[in-house]
């Protein structure tokens, strides 16, 4: 059965979405404590049409992440543009998982061609594959960006709702978030010193001002010892380190482990031409024509705790 297409009149604001999500989360958690029930995912896709990038926002993003100053938007910036539409799906009244406290475990992005400054594009997002996990429930939120009807970019974000009971079967070969992280990290090639203000700086260019990133005070209210870096900041910075050499078409994956506390230091490793994460070659016909590839990781320089791992593979 085809998903119902819900056309939004404009790009929703993340502030209002987070407020709605907080209210809905409280209701869902009360219901789950009472009867343990989890509903089905809504069979809908949200769409916003005729979107254009903000030139100033793109420039600020490029400066913060260390991306080249080009009219072609970095794949991480396309994620920023699509994120409010994806979030609007997760705060629907019929979405069965609480947004509040949801953990971002992984991302897979396929860029088939760049999206350029000045182009009009459409964003569509939906949720799929609700499944169990040893710590709760997993869900994939998919966003696609189309120009003239052609998909230029597709992102799949995997989230964990802790404490939500869904039947769980640990099947070999099935992507299950953190259980399939590659802990074989590449040799260290850099050291990132991240200031306490980074969460606010990335929040300004991305619009994502989740309290866990904004300050130590607001993060402590949600159970963190200090503010934490946005996961997509760390992933997008890794992509920026690879630079234009990655080409215009590629598959980019990241799996998140322990969050980066701010201020903090991240040991970063990047290696070209390794076998990498075989998962990056699955799920896309074009990905079978992979050319150059890179794998990367970030970890605590003293404790050696892993923060993230990922892979970038060119596609023809």
C-alpha atoms as a PDB file:
ATOM      1  CA  UNK A   1       0.000   0.000   0.000  1.00  0.00           C
ATOM      2  CA  UNK A   2       1.369   3.435  -0.970  1.00  0.00           C
ATOM      3  CA  UNK A   3       2.029   5.932   1.779  1.00  0.00           C
ATOM      4  CA  UNK A   4      -0.328   8.863   2.125  1.00  0.00           C
ATOM      5  CA  UNK A   5       1.477  12.026   1.056  1.00  0.00           C
ATOM      6  CA  UNK A   6       0.991  14.898   3.501  1.00  0.00           C
ATOM      7  CA  UNK A   7       1.986  18.201   1.881  1.00  0.00           C
ATOM      8  CA  UNK A   8       3.245  20.779   4.385  1.00  0.00           C
ATOM      9  CA  UNK A   9       2.665  24.424   3.469  1.00  0.00           C
ATOM     10  CA  UNK A  10       6.144  25.490   4.626  1.00  0.00           C
ATOM     11  CA  UNK A  11       9.308  24.227   6.230  1.00  0.00           C
ATOM     12  CA  UNK A  12       8.485  23.615   9.920  1.00  0.00           C
ATOM     13  CA  UNK A  13      10.579  25.234  12.647  1.00  0.00           C
ATOM     14  CA  UNK A  14      12.553  22.897  14.875  1.00  0.00           C
ATOM     15  CA  UNK A  15      11.749  24.888  18.033  1.00  0.00           C
ATOM     16  CA  UNK A  16       8.040  24.286  17.681  1.00  0.00           C
ATOM     17  CA  UNK A  17       8.596  20.664  16.683  1.00  0.00           C
ATOM     18  CA  UNK A  18      10.682  19.989  19.802  1.00  0.00           C
ATOM     19  CA  UNK A  19       8.011  21.560  22.026  1.00  0.00           C
ATOM     20  CA  UNK A  20       5.320  19.418  20.410  1.00  0.00           C
ATOM     21  CA  UNK A  21       7.549  16.358  20.657  1.00  0.00           C
ATOM     22  CA  UNK A  22       8.119  16.927  24.384  1.00  0.00           C
ATOM     23  CA  UNK A  23       4.369  17.056  25.070  1.00  0.00           C
ATOM     24  CA  UNK A  24       3.688  13.977  22.954  1.00  0.00           C
ATOM     25  CA  UNK A  25       6.604  12.100  24.557  1.00  0.00           C
ATOM     26  CA  UNK A  26       5.160  12.546  28.038  1.00  0.00           C
ATOM     27  CA  UNK A  27       1.809  11.113  26.871  1.00  0.00           C
ATOM     28  CA  UNK A  28       3.465   8.143  25.180  1.00  0.00           C
ATOM     29  CA  UNK A  29       5.604   7.275  28.181  1.00  0.00           C
ATOM     30  CA  UNK A  30       2.579   7.349  30.497  1.00  0.00           C
ATOM     31  CA  UNK A  31       0.721   5.052  28.119  1.00  0.00           C
ATOM     32  CA  UNK A  32       3.668   2.687  27.802  1.00  0.00           C
ATOM     33  CA  UNK A  33       4.047   2.437  31.593  1.00  0.00           C
ATOM     34  CA  UNK A  34       0.343   1.636  31.908  1.00  0.00           C
ATOM     35  CA  UNK A  35      -0.043  -1.098  29.309  1.00  0.00           C
ATOM     36  CA  UNK A  36       3.315  -1.546  27.526  1.00  0.00           C
ATOM     37  CA  UNK A  37       1.686  -1.004  24.162  1.00  0.00           C
ATOM     38  CA  UNK A  38       3.483   0.348  21.080  1.00  0.00           C
ATOM     39  CA  UNK A  39       1.440   1.334  18.047  1.00  0.00           C
ATOM     40  CA  UNK A  40       2.297   1.003  14.382  1.00  0.00           C
ATOM     41  CA  UNK A  41       4.235   3.584  12.428  1.00  0.00           C
ATOM     42  CA  UNK A  42       2.025   6.038  10.508  1.00  0.00           C
ATOM     43  CA  UNK A  43       1.845   5.088   6.837  1.00  0.00           C
ATOM     44  CA  UNK A  44       2.474   8.640   5.667  1.00  0.00           C
ATOM     45  CA  UNK A  45       5.189  10.752   4.075  1.00  0.00           C
ATOM     46  CA  UNK A  46       5.571  14.462   4.790  1.00  0.00           C
ATOM     47  CA  UNK A  47       6.604  16.674   1.875  1.00  0.00           C
ATOM     48  CA  UNK A  48       7.725  20.281   1.569  1.00  0.00           C
ATOM     49  CA  UNK A  49       8.108  21.590  -1.972  1.00  0.00           C
ATOM     50  CA  UNK A  50       9.996  24.450  -3.568  1.00  0.00           C
ATOM     51  CA  UNK A  51      12.759  24.715  -0.946  1.00  0.00           C
ATOM     52  CA  UNK A  52      15.930  26.734  -1.546  1.00  0.00           C
ATOM     53  CA  UNK A  53      19.108  26.941   0.519  1.00  0.00           C
ATOM     54  CA  UNK A  54      19.808  30.115   2.476  1.00  0.00           C
ATOM     55  CA  UNK A  55      23.143  31.421   1.059  1.00  0.00           C
ATOM     56  CA  UNK A  56      24.266  32.911   4.400  1.00  0.00           C
ATOM     57  CA  UNK A  57      23.437  29.707   6.268  1.00  0.00           C
ATOM     58  CA  UNK A  58      25.357  27.624   3.717  1.00  0.00           C
ATOM     59  CA  UNK A  59      28.397  29.900   4.025  1.00  0.00           C
ATOM     60  CA  UNK A  60      28.314  29.761   7.830  1.00  0.00           C
ATOM     61  CA  UNK A  61      28.038  25.962   7.703  1.00  0.00           C
ATOM     62  CA  UNK A  62      30.999  25.689   5.332  1.00  0.00           C
ATOM     63  CA  UNK A  63      33.119  27.896   7.571  1.00  0.00           C
ATOM     64  CA  UNK A  64      32.252  26.009  10.762  1.00  0.00           C
ATOM     65  CA  UNK A  65      32.799  22.540   9.267  1.00  0.00           C
ATOM     66  CA  UNK A  66      35.822  23.384   7.147  1.00  0.00           C
ATOM     67  CA  UNK A  67      34.075  22.639   3.864  1.00  0.00           C
ATOM     68  CA  UNK A  68      35.139  24.257   0.593  1.00  0.00           C
ATOM     69  CA  UNK A  69      33.236  27.405  -0.398  1.00  0.00           C
ATOM     70  CA  UNK A  70      31.223  25.974  -3.301  1.00  0.00           C
ATOM     71  CA  UNK A  71      27.682  26.403  -4.617  1.00  0.00           C
ATOM     72  CA  UNK A  72      27.282  22.633  -4.320  1.00  0.00           C
ATOM     73  CA  UNK A  73      25.932  21.998  -0.831  1.00  0.00           C
ATOM     74  CA  UNK A  74      27.852  19.477   1.294  1.00  0.00           C
ATOM     75  CA  UNK A  75      25.888  16.305   1.969  1.00  0.00           C
ATOM     76  CA  UNK A  76      25.775  17.184   5.677  1.00  0.00           C
ATOM     77  CA  UNK A  77      24.140  20.520   4.879  1.00  0.00           C
ATOM     78  CA  UNK A  78      21.490  18.750   2.803  1.00  0.00           C
ATOM     79  CA  UNK A  79      20.799  16.678   5.929  1.00  0.00           C
ATOM     80  CA  UNK A  80      20.344  19.952   7.840  1.00  0.00           C
ATOM     81  CA  UNK A  81      17.811  21.136   5.244  1.00  0.00           C
ATOM     82  CA  UNK A  82      15.847  17.867   5.354  1.00  0.00           C
ATOM     83  CA  UNK A  83      15.948  17.382   9.129  1.00  0.00           C
ATOM     84  CA  UNK A  84      12.883  19.520  10.047  1.00  0.00           C
ATOM     85  CA  UNK A  85      10.695  17.512   7.656  1.00  0.00           C
ATOM     86  CA  UNK A  86      11.960  14.243   9.140  1.00  0.00           C
ATOM     87  CA  UNK A  87      11.349  15.569  12.651  1.00  0.00           C
ATOM     88  CA  UNK A  88       7.804  16.575  11.725  1.00  0.00           C
ATOM     89  CA  UNK A  89       7.046  12.887  11.115  1.00  0.00           C
ATOM     90  CA  UNK A  90       8.388  11.930  14.560  1.00  0.00           C
ATOM     91  CA  UNK A  91       6.160  14.411  16.408  1.00  0.00           C
ATOM     92  CA  UNK A  92       2.887  13.322  14.793  1.00  0.00           C
ATOM     93  CA  UNK A  93       0.144  12.334  17.231  1.00  0.00           C
ATOM     94  CA  UNK A  94       0.134   8.837  15.719  1.00  0.00           C
ATOM     95  CA  UNK A  95       3.914   8.337  15.870  1.00  0.00           C
ATOM     96  CA  UNK A  96       4.373   5.534  18.439  1.00  0.00           C
ATOM     97  CA  UNK A  97       7.784   6.468  19.919  1.00  0.00           C
ATOM     98  CA  UNK A  98       8.684   9.389  22.213  1.00  0.00           C
ATOM     99  CA  UNK A  99      10.958  11.982  20.626  1.00  0.00           C
ATOM    100  CA  UNK A 100      12.259  13.072  24.034  1.00  0.00           C
ATOM    101  CA  UNK A 101      15.294  10.988  24.964  1.00  0.00           C
ATOM    102  CA  UNK A 102      15.557   9.316  21.569  1.00  0.00           C
ATOM    103  CA  UNK A 103      19.181   8.394  20.743  1.00  0.00           C
ATOM    104  CA  UNK A 104      20.648   8.892  17.269  1.00  0.00           C
ATOM    105  CA  UNK A 105      22.557   5.668  16.569  1.00  0.00           C
ATOM    106  CA  UNK A 106      23.494   5.750  12.899  1.00  0.00           C
ATOM    107  CA  UNK A 107      23.182   7.462   9.545  1.00  0.00           C
ATOM    108  CA  UNK A 108      23.455   6.278   5.964  1.00  0.00           C
ATOM    109  CA  UNK A 109      23.454   8.946   3.249  1.00  0.00           C
ATOM    110  CA  UNK A 110      23.469   8.328  -0.483  1.00  0.00           C
ATOM    111  CA  UNK A 111      24.280  11.357  -2.610  1.00  0.00           C
ATOM    112  CA  UNK A 112      23.667  10.663  -6.287  1.00  0.00           C
ATOM    113  CA  UNK A 113      24.381  14.226  -7.445  1.00  0.00           C
ATOM    114  CA  UNK A 114      24.934  17.536  -5.651  1.00  0.00           C
ATOM    115  CA  UNK A 115      22.163  19.997  -4.819  1.00  0.00           C
ATOM    116  CA  UNK A 116      23.253  23.511  -5.748  1.00  0.00           C
ATOM    117  CA  UNK A 117      22.630  26.908  -4.235  1.00  0.00           C
ATOM    118  CA  UNK A 118      19.746  28.558  -6.119  1.00  0.00           C
ATOM    119  CA  UNK A 119      18.059  25.294  -7.140  1.00  0.00           C
ATOM    120  CA  UNK A 120      14.542  24.544  -5.965  1.00  0.00           C
ATOM    121  CA  UNK A 121      14.122  21.130  -4.386  1.00  0.00           C
ATOM    122  CA  UNK A 122      11.481  19.040  -2.635  1.00  0.00           C
ATOM    123  CA  UNK A 123      11.999  17.211   0.661  1.00  0.00           C
ATOM    124  CA  UNK A 124      10.012  14.107   1.564  1.00  0.00           C
ATOM    125  CA  UNK A 125      10.349  12.098   4.782  1.00  0.00           C
ATOM    126  CA  UNK A 126       8.781   9.033   6.370  1.00  0.00           C
ATOM    127  CA  UNK A 127       9.451   6.418   9.070  1.00  0.00           C
ATOM    128  CA  UNK A 128       9.966   2.711   8.477  1.00  0.00           C
ATOM    129  CA  UNK A 129      11.164  -0.573   9.961  1.00  0.00           C
ATOM    130  CA  UNK A 130      10.109  -0.337  13.609  1.00  0.00           C
ATOM    131  CA  UNK A 131      11.972  -3.161  15.335  1.00  0.00           C
ATOM    132  CA  UNK A 132      13.239  -4.354  18.663  1.00  0.00           C
ATOM    133  CA  UNK A 133      16.619  -3.787  20.251  1.00  0.00           C
ATOM    134  CA  UNK A 134      18.082  -5.071  23.508  1.00  0.00           C
ATOM    135  CA  UNK A 135      17.734  -1.553  24.959  1.00  0.00           C
ATOM    136  CA  UNK A 136      14.389  -0.543  23.465  1.00  0.00           C
ATOM    137  CA  UNK A 137      12.992   0.079  19.996  1.00  0.00           C
ATOM    138  CA  UNK A 138      14.723   1.079  16.765  1.00  0.00           C
ATOM    139  CA  UNK A 139      13.227   3.026  13.888  1.00  0.00           C
ATOM    140  CA  UNK A 140      14.590   4.355  10.596  1.00  0.00           C
ATOM    141  CA  UNK A 141      13.558   7.831   9.469  1.00  0.00           C
ATOM    142  CA  UNK A 142      14.129   8.309   5.743  1.00  0.00           C
ATOM    143  CA  UNK A 143      14.420  11.645   3.942  1.00  0.00           C
ATOM    144  CA  UNK A 144      14.782  12.221   0.211  1.00  0.00           C
ATOM    145  CA  UNK A 145      15.674  15.395  -1.645  1.00  0.00           C
ATOM    146  CA  UNK A 146      14.481  15.682  -5.245  1.00  0.00           C
ATOM    147  CA  UNK A 147      15.269  18.219  -7.933  1.00  0.00           C
ATOM    148  CA  UNK A 148      12.915  18.112 -10.905  1.00  0.00           C
ATOM    149  CA  UNK A 149      11.586  14.757  -9.738  1.00  0.00           C
ATOM    150  CA  UNK A 150      15.035  13.111  -9.556  1.00  0.00           C
ATOM    151  CA  UNK A 151      16.367  11.918  -6.205  1.00  0.00           C
ATOM    152  CA  UNK A 152      19.692  13.687  -5.623  1.00  0.00           C
ATOM    153  CA  UNK A 153      20.123  12.731  -1.953  1.00  0.00           C
ATOM    154  CA  UNK A 154      18.709  10.116   0.414  1.00  0.00           C
ATOM    155  CA  UNK A 155      19.349   9.865   4.149  1.00  0.00           C
ATOM    156  CA  UNK A 156      18.398   7.117   6.601  1.00  0.00           C
ATOM    157  CA  UNK A 157      18.712   8.035  10.282  1.00  0.00           C
ATOM    158  CA  UNK A 158      18.442   5.207  12.831  1.00  0.00           C
ATOM    159  CA  UNK A 159      17.105   6.120  16.268  1.00  0.00           C
ATOM    160  CA  UNK A 160      16.783   4.204  19.520  1.00  0.00           C
ATOM    161  CA  UNK A 161      13.864   4.791  21.892  1.00  0.00           C
ATOM    162  CA  UNK A 162      15.186   3.472  25.203  1.00  0.00           C
ATOM    163  CA  UNK A 163      12.903   1.422  27.409  1.00  0.00           C
ATOM    164  CA  UNK A 164      10.204   0.912  24.766  1.00  0.00           C
ATOM    165  CA  UNK A 165       9.467  -2.791  24.454  1.00  0.00           C
ATOM    166  CA  UNK A 166       9.258  -4.204  20.933  1.00  0.00           C
ATOM    167  CA  UNK A 167       9.890  -7.899  20.103  1.00  0.00           C
ATOM    168  CA  UNK A 168      13.611  -8.316  19.508  1.00  0.00           C
ATOM    169  CA  UNK A 169      15.420 -10.868  17.347  1.00  0.00           C
ATOM    170  CA  UNK A 170      19.149 -10.396  16.839  1.00  0.00           C
ATOM    171  CA  UNK A 171      19.426 -11.676  13.276  1.00  0.00           C
ATOM    172  CA  UNK A 172      22.798 -12.127  11.646  1.00  0.00           C
ATOM    173  CA  UNK A 173      23.335  -9.654   8.809  1.00  0.00           C
ATOM    174  CA  UNK A 174      20.544  -7.298   9.890  1.00  0.00           C
ATOM    175  CA  UNK A 175      21.679  -3.760  10.597  1.00  0.00           C
ATOM    176  CA  UNK A 176      20.915  -3.149  14.243  1.00  0.00           C
ATOM    177  CA  UNK A 177      22.566   0.108  15.151  1.00  0.00           C
ATOM    178  CA  UNK A 178      25.369  -0.058  17.675  1.00  0.00           C
ATOM    179  CA  UNK A 179      25.653  -3.866  17.582  1.00  0.00           C
ATOM    180  CA  UNK A 180      27.323  -3.681  14.181  1.00  0.00           C
ATOM    181  CA  UNK A 181      29.883  -0.961  14.795  1.00  0.00           C
ATOM    182  CA  UNK A 182      33.310  -1.513  13.343  1.00  0.00           C
ATOM    183  CA  UNK A 183      35.721  -1.053  16.260  1.00  0.00           C
ATOM    184  CA  UNK A 184      38.831  -1.549  14.101  1.00  0.00           C
ATOM    185  CA  UNK A 185      39.772   2.124  13.930  1.00  0.00           C
ATOM    186  CA  UNK A 186      42.222   3.633  11.423  1.00  0.00           C
ATOM    187  CA  UNK A 187      45.524   5.164  12.578  1.00  0.00           C
ATOM    188  CA  UNK A 188      45.230   8.592  14.201  1.00  0.00           C
ATOM    189  CA  UNK A 189      45.706  11.435  11.741  1.00  0.00           C
ATOM    190  CA  UNK A 190      44.383  14.435  13.668  1.00  0.00           C
ATOM    191  CA  UNK A 191      43.232  15.882  16.979  1.00  0.00           C
ATOM    192  CA  UNK A 192      40.055  17.939  17.269  1.00  0.00           C
ATOM    193  CA  UNK A 193      39.807  20.381  20.175  1.00  0.00           C
ATOM    194  CA  UNK A 194      36.125  21.193  20.565  1.00  0.00           C
ATOM    195  CA  UNK A 195      35.108  24.248  22.633  1.00  0.00           C
ATOM    196  CA  UNK A 196      32.232  24.443  25.114  1.00  0.00           C
ATOM    197  CA  UNK A 197      30.428  26.758  22.668  1.00  0.00           C
ATOM    198  CA  UNK A 198      30.430  24.236  19.790  1.00  0.00           C
ATOM    199  CA  UNK A 199      26.879  23.011  20.433  1.00  0.00           C
ATOM    200  CA  UNK A 200      25.538  26.542  20.184  1.00  0.00           C
ATOM    201  CA  UNK A 201      27.649  27.269  17.098  1.00  0.00           C
ATOM    202  CA  UNK A 202      26.441  24.187  15.239  1.00  0.00           C
ATOM    203  CA  UNK A 203      22.911  24.810  16.512  1.00  0.00           C
ATOM    204  CA  UNK A 204      23.037  28.272  14.909  1.00  0.00           C
ATOM    205  CA  UNK A 205      23.962  26.915  11.464  1.00  0.00           C
ATOM    206  CA  UNK A 206      21.765  23.802  11.624  1.00  0.00           C
ATOM    207  CA  UNK A 207      18.731  25.054  13.540  1.00  0.00           C
ATOM    208  CA  UNK A 208      19.064  22.063  15.899  1.00  0.00           C
ATOM    209  CA  UNK A 209      19.039  23.664  19.341  1.00  0.00           C
ATOM    210  CA  UNK A 210      18.272  20.562  21.337  1.00  0.00           C
ATOM    211  CA  UNK A 211      19.022  21.385  25.027  1.00  0.00           C
ATOM    212  CA  UNK A 212      21.504  18.503  25.333  1.00  0.00           C
ATOM    213  CA  UNK A 213      23.839  20.469  23.024  1.00  0.00           C
ATOM    214  CA  UNK A 214      23.329  24.037  24.233  1.00  0.00           C
ATOM    215  CA  UNK A 215      24.888  24.254  27.702  1.00  0.00           C
ATOM    216  CA  UNK A 216      26.042  22.191  30.671  1.00  0.00           C
ATOM    217  CA  UNK A 217      23.006  23.366  32.658  1.00  0.00           C
ATOM    218  CA  UNK A 218      20.399  22.329  30.075  1.00  0.00           C
ATOM    219  CA  UNK A 219      22.241  19.064  29.352  1.00  0.00           C
ATOM    220  CA  UNK A 220      22.357  18.141  33.054  1.00  0.00           C
ATOM    221  CA  UNK A 221      18.586  18.540  33.228  1.00  0.00           C
ATOM    222  CA  UNK A 222      18.376  15.719  30.687  1.00  0.00           C
ATOM    223  CA  UNK A 223      20.875  13.427  32.377  1.00  0.00           C
ATOM    224  CA  UNK A 224      24.201  14.407  30.776  1.00  0.00           C
ATOM    225  CA  UNK A 225      27.201  15.601  32.815  1.00  0.00           C
ATOM    226  CA  UNK A 226      27.933  18.353  30.269  1.00  0.00           C
ATOM    227  CA  UNK A 227      26.663  19.483  26.899  1.00  0.00           C
ATOM    228  CA  UNK A 228      27.420  17.021  24.101  1.00  0.00           C
ATOM    229  CA  UNK A 229      28.473  17.671  20.517  1.00  0.00           C
ATOM    230  CA  UNK A 230      25.933  17.071  17.772  1.00  0.00           C
ATOM    231  CA  UNK A 231      26.595  13.679  16.242  1.00  0.00           C
ATOM    232  CA  UNK A 232      26.099  15.071  12.749  1.00  0.00           C
ATOM    233  CA  UNK A 233      28.714  17.736  13.451  1.00  0.00           C
ATOM    234  CA  UNK A 234      31.329  15.057  14.068  1.00  0.00           C
ATOM    235  CA  UNK A 235      30.231  13.008  11.045  1.00  0.00           C
ATOM    236  CA  UNK A 236      30.101  16.055   8.765  1.00  0.00           C
ATOM    237  CA  UNK A 237      33.502  17.248   9.958  1.00  0.00           C
ATOM    238  CA  UNK A 238      34.933  13.850   9.028  1.00  0.00           C
ATOM    239  CA  UNK A 239      33.389  14.210   5.574  1.00  0.00           C
ATOM    240  CA  UNK A 240      34.941  17.673   5.285  1.00  0.00           C
ATOM    241  CA  UNK A 241      38.382  16.249   6.107  1.00  0.00           C
ATOM    242  CA  UNK A 242      38.085  13.963   3.079  1.00  0.00           C
ATOM    243  CA  UNK A 243      37.190  17.069   1.070  1.00  0.00           C
ATOM    244  CA  UNK A 244      36.306  17.447  -2.622  1.00  0.00           C
ATOM    245  CA  UNK A 245      38.316  14.319  -3.431  1.00  0.00           C
ATOM    246  CA  UNK A 246      35.255  12.315  -2.358  1.00  0.00           C
ATOM    247  CA  UNK A 247      33.556  13.395  -5.598  1.00  0.00           C
ATOM    248  CA  UNK A 248      29.945  14.327  -6.222  1.00  0.00           C
ATOM    249  CA  UNK A 249      28.343  10.886  -5.792  1.00  0.00           C
ATOM    250  CA  UNK A 250      29.022   8.687  -2.781  1.00  0.00           C
ATOM    251  CA  UNK A 251      27.597   6.611   0.051  1.00  0.00           C
ATOM    252  CA  UNK A 252      28.437   7.995   3.495  1.00  0.00           C
ATOM    253  CA  UNK A 253      27.767   6.060   6.697  1.00  0.00           C
ATOM    254  CA  UNK A 254      28.346   6.779  10.365  1.00  0.00           C
ATOM    255  CA  UNK A 255      27.659   4.828  13.556  1.00  0.00           C
ATOM    256  CA  UNK A 256      27.670   6.717  16.839  1.00  0.00           C
ATOM    257  CA  UNK A 257      29.051   5.315  20.096  1.00  0.00           C
ATOM    258  CA  UNK A 258      29.768   7.382  23.237  1.00  0.00           C
ATOM    259  CA  UNK A 259      28.836  11.073  22.909  1.00  0.00           C
ATOM    260  CA  UNK A 260      31.522  13.746  22.828  1.00  0.00           C
ATOM    261  CA  UNK A 261      31.326  15.916  25.948  1.00  0.00           C
ATOM    262  CA  UNK A 262      31.988  19.652  25.518  1.00  0.00           C
ATOM    263  CA  UNK A 263      34.543  21.014  25.879  1.00  0.00           C
ATOM    264  CA  UNK A 264      36.429  17.960  24.699  1.00  0.00           C
ATOM    265  CA  UNK A 265      39.145  16.532  22.502  1.00  0.00           C
ATOM    266  CA  UNK A 266      38.641  13.893  19.823  1.00  0.00           C
ATOM    267  CA  UNK A 267      41.399  11.767  18.311  1.00  0.00           C
ATOM    268  CA  UNK A 268      40.522  11.380  14.638  1.00  0.00           C
ATOM    269  CA  UNK A 269      41.672   8.718  12.202  1.00  0.00           C
ATOM    270  CA  UNK A 270      41.168   8.561   8.438  1.00  0.00           C
ATOM    271  CA  UNK A 271      42.346   5.824   6.098  1.00  0.00           C
ATOM    272  CA  UNK A 272      41.896   5.532   2.350  1.00  0.00           C
ATOM    273  CA  UNK A 273      41.373   2.388   0.350  1.00  0.00           C
ATOM    274  CA  UNK A 274      40.574  -0.079   3.162  1.00  0.00           C
ATOM    275  CA  UNK A 275      37.820  -2.653   2.947  1.00  0.00           C
ATOM    276  CA  UNK A 276      35.777  -0.551   5.406  1.00  0.00           C
ATOM    277  CA  UNK A 277      32.198  -1.247   6.348  1.00  0.00           C
ATOM    278  CA  UNK A 278      30.626  -3.729   3.933  1.00  0.00           C
ATOM    279  CA  UNK A 279      27.212  -2.360   4.914  1.00  0.00           C
ATOM    280  CA  UNK A 280      27.988   0.768   2.892  1.00  0.00           C
ATOM    281  CA  UNK A 281      27.782  -1.288  -0.297  1.00  0.00           C
ATOM    282  CA  UNK A 282      24.344  -2.708   0.455  1.00  0.00           C
ATOM    283  CA  UNK A 283      20.917  -1.321  -0.292  1.00  0.00           C
ATOM    284  CA  UNK A 284      21.719   0.604  -3.461  1.00  0.00           C
ATOM    285  CA  UNK A 285      22.237  -0.676  -6.986  1.00  0.00           C
ATOM    286  CA  UNK A 286      24.568   2.225  -7.757  1.00  0.00           C
ATOM    287  CA  UNK A 287      26.696   1.436  -4.728  1.00  0.00           C
ATOM    288  CA  UNK A 288      27.929  -1.767  -6.402  1.00  0.00           C
ATOM    289  CA  UNK A 289      30.053   0.415  -8.720  1.00  0.00           C
ATOM    290  CA  UNK A 290      32.046   1.827  -5.797  1.00  0.00           C
ATOM    291  CA  UNK A 291      35.378   3.430  -6.688  1.00  0.00           C
ATOM    292  CA  UNK A 292      37.540   5.171  -4.059  1.00  0.00           C
ATOM    293  CA  UNK A 293      36.729   4.648  -0.397  1.00  0.00           C
ATOM    294  CA  UNK A 294      37.699   5.985   3.014  1.00  0.00           C
ATOM    295  CA  UNK A 295      37.013   4.866   6.557  1.00  0.00           C
ATOM    296  CA  UNK A 296      37.194   7.099   9.588  1.00  0.00           C
ATOM    297  CA  UNK A 297      36.764   7.057  13.351  1.00  0.00           C
ATOM    298  CA  UNK A 298      36.846   9.365  16.350  1.00  0.00           C
ATOM    299  CA  UNK A 299      37.720   8.398  19.924  1.00  0.00           C
ATOM    300  CA  UNK A 300      38.771   9.788  23.295  1.00  0.00           C
ATOM    301  CA  UNK A 301      42.540  10.324  23.085  1.00  0.00           C
ATOM    302  CA  UNK A 302      43.229   9.074  26.638  1.00  0.00           C
ATOM    303  CA  UNK A 303      40.409   6.685  27.523  1.00  0.00           C
ATOM    304  CA  UNK A 304      40.293   5.326  23.943  1.00  0.00           C
ATOM    305  CA  UNK A 305      36.474   5.192  24.150  1.00  0.00           C
ATOM    306  CA  UNK A 306      35.032   5.188  20.654  1.00  0.00           C
ATOM    307  CA  UNK A 307      32.820   8.138  19.659  1.00  0.00           C
ATOM    308  CA  UNK A 308      31.988   7.291  16.047  1.00  0.00           C
ATOM    309  CA  UNK A 309      33.042   5.213  13.051  1.00  0.00           C
ATOM    310  CA  UNK A 310      32.144   5.637   9.400  1.00  0.00           C
ATOM    311  CA  UNK A 311      32.821   4.991   5.766  1.00  0.00           C
ATOM    312  CA  UNK A 312      32.662   6.962   2.509  1.00  0.00           C
ATOM    313  CA  UNK A 313      32.543   5.170  -0.836  1.00  0.00           C
ATOM    314  CA  UNK A 314      32.393   6.814  -4.226  1.00  0.00           C
ATOM    315  CA  UNK A 315      29.699   5.606  -6.593  1.00  0.00           C
ATOM    316  CA  UNK A 316      29.740   5.817 -10.375  1.00  0.00           C
END
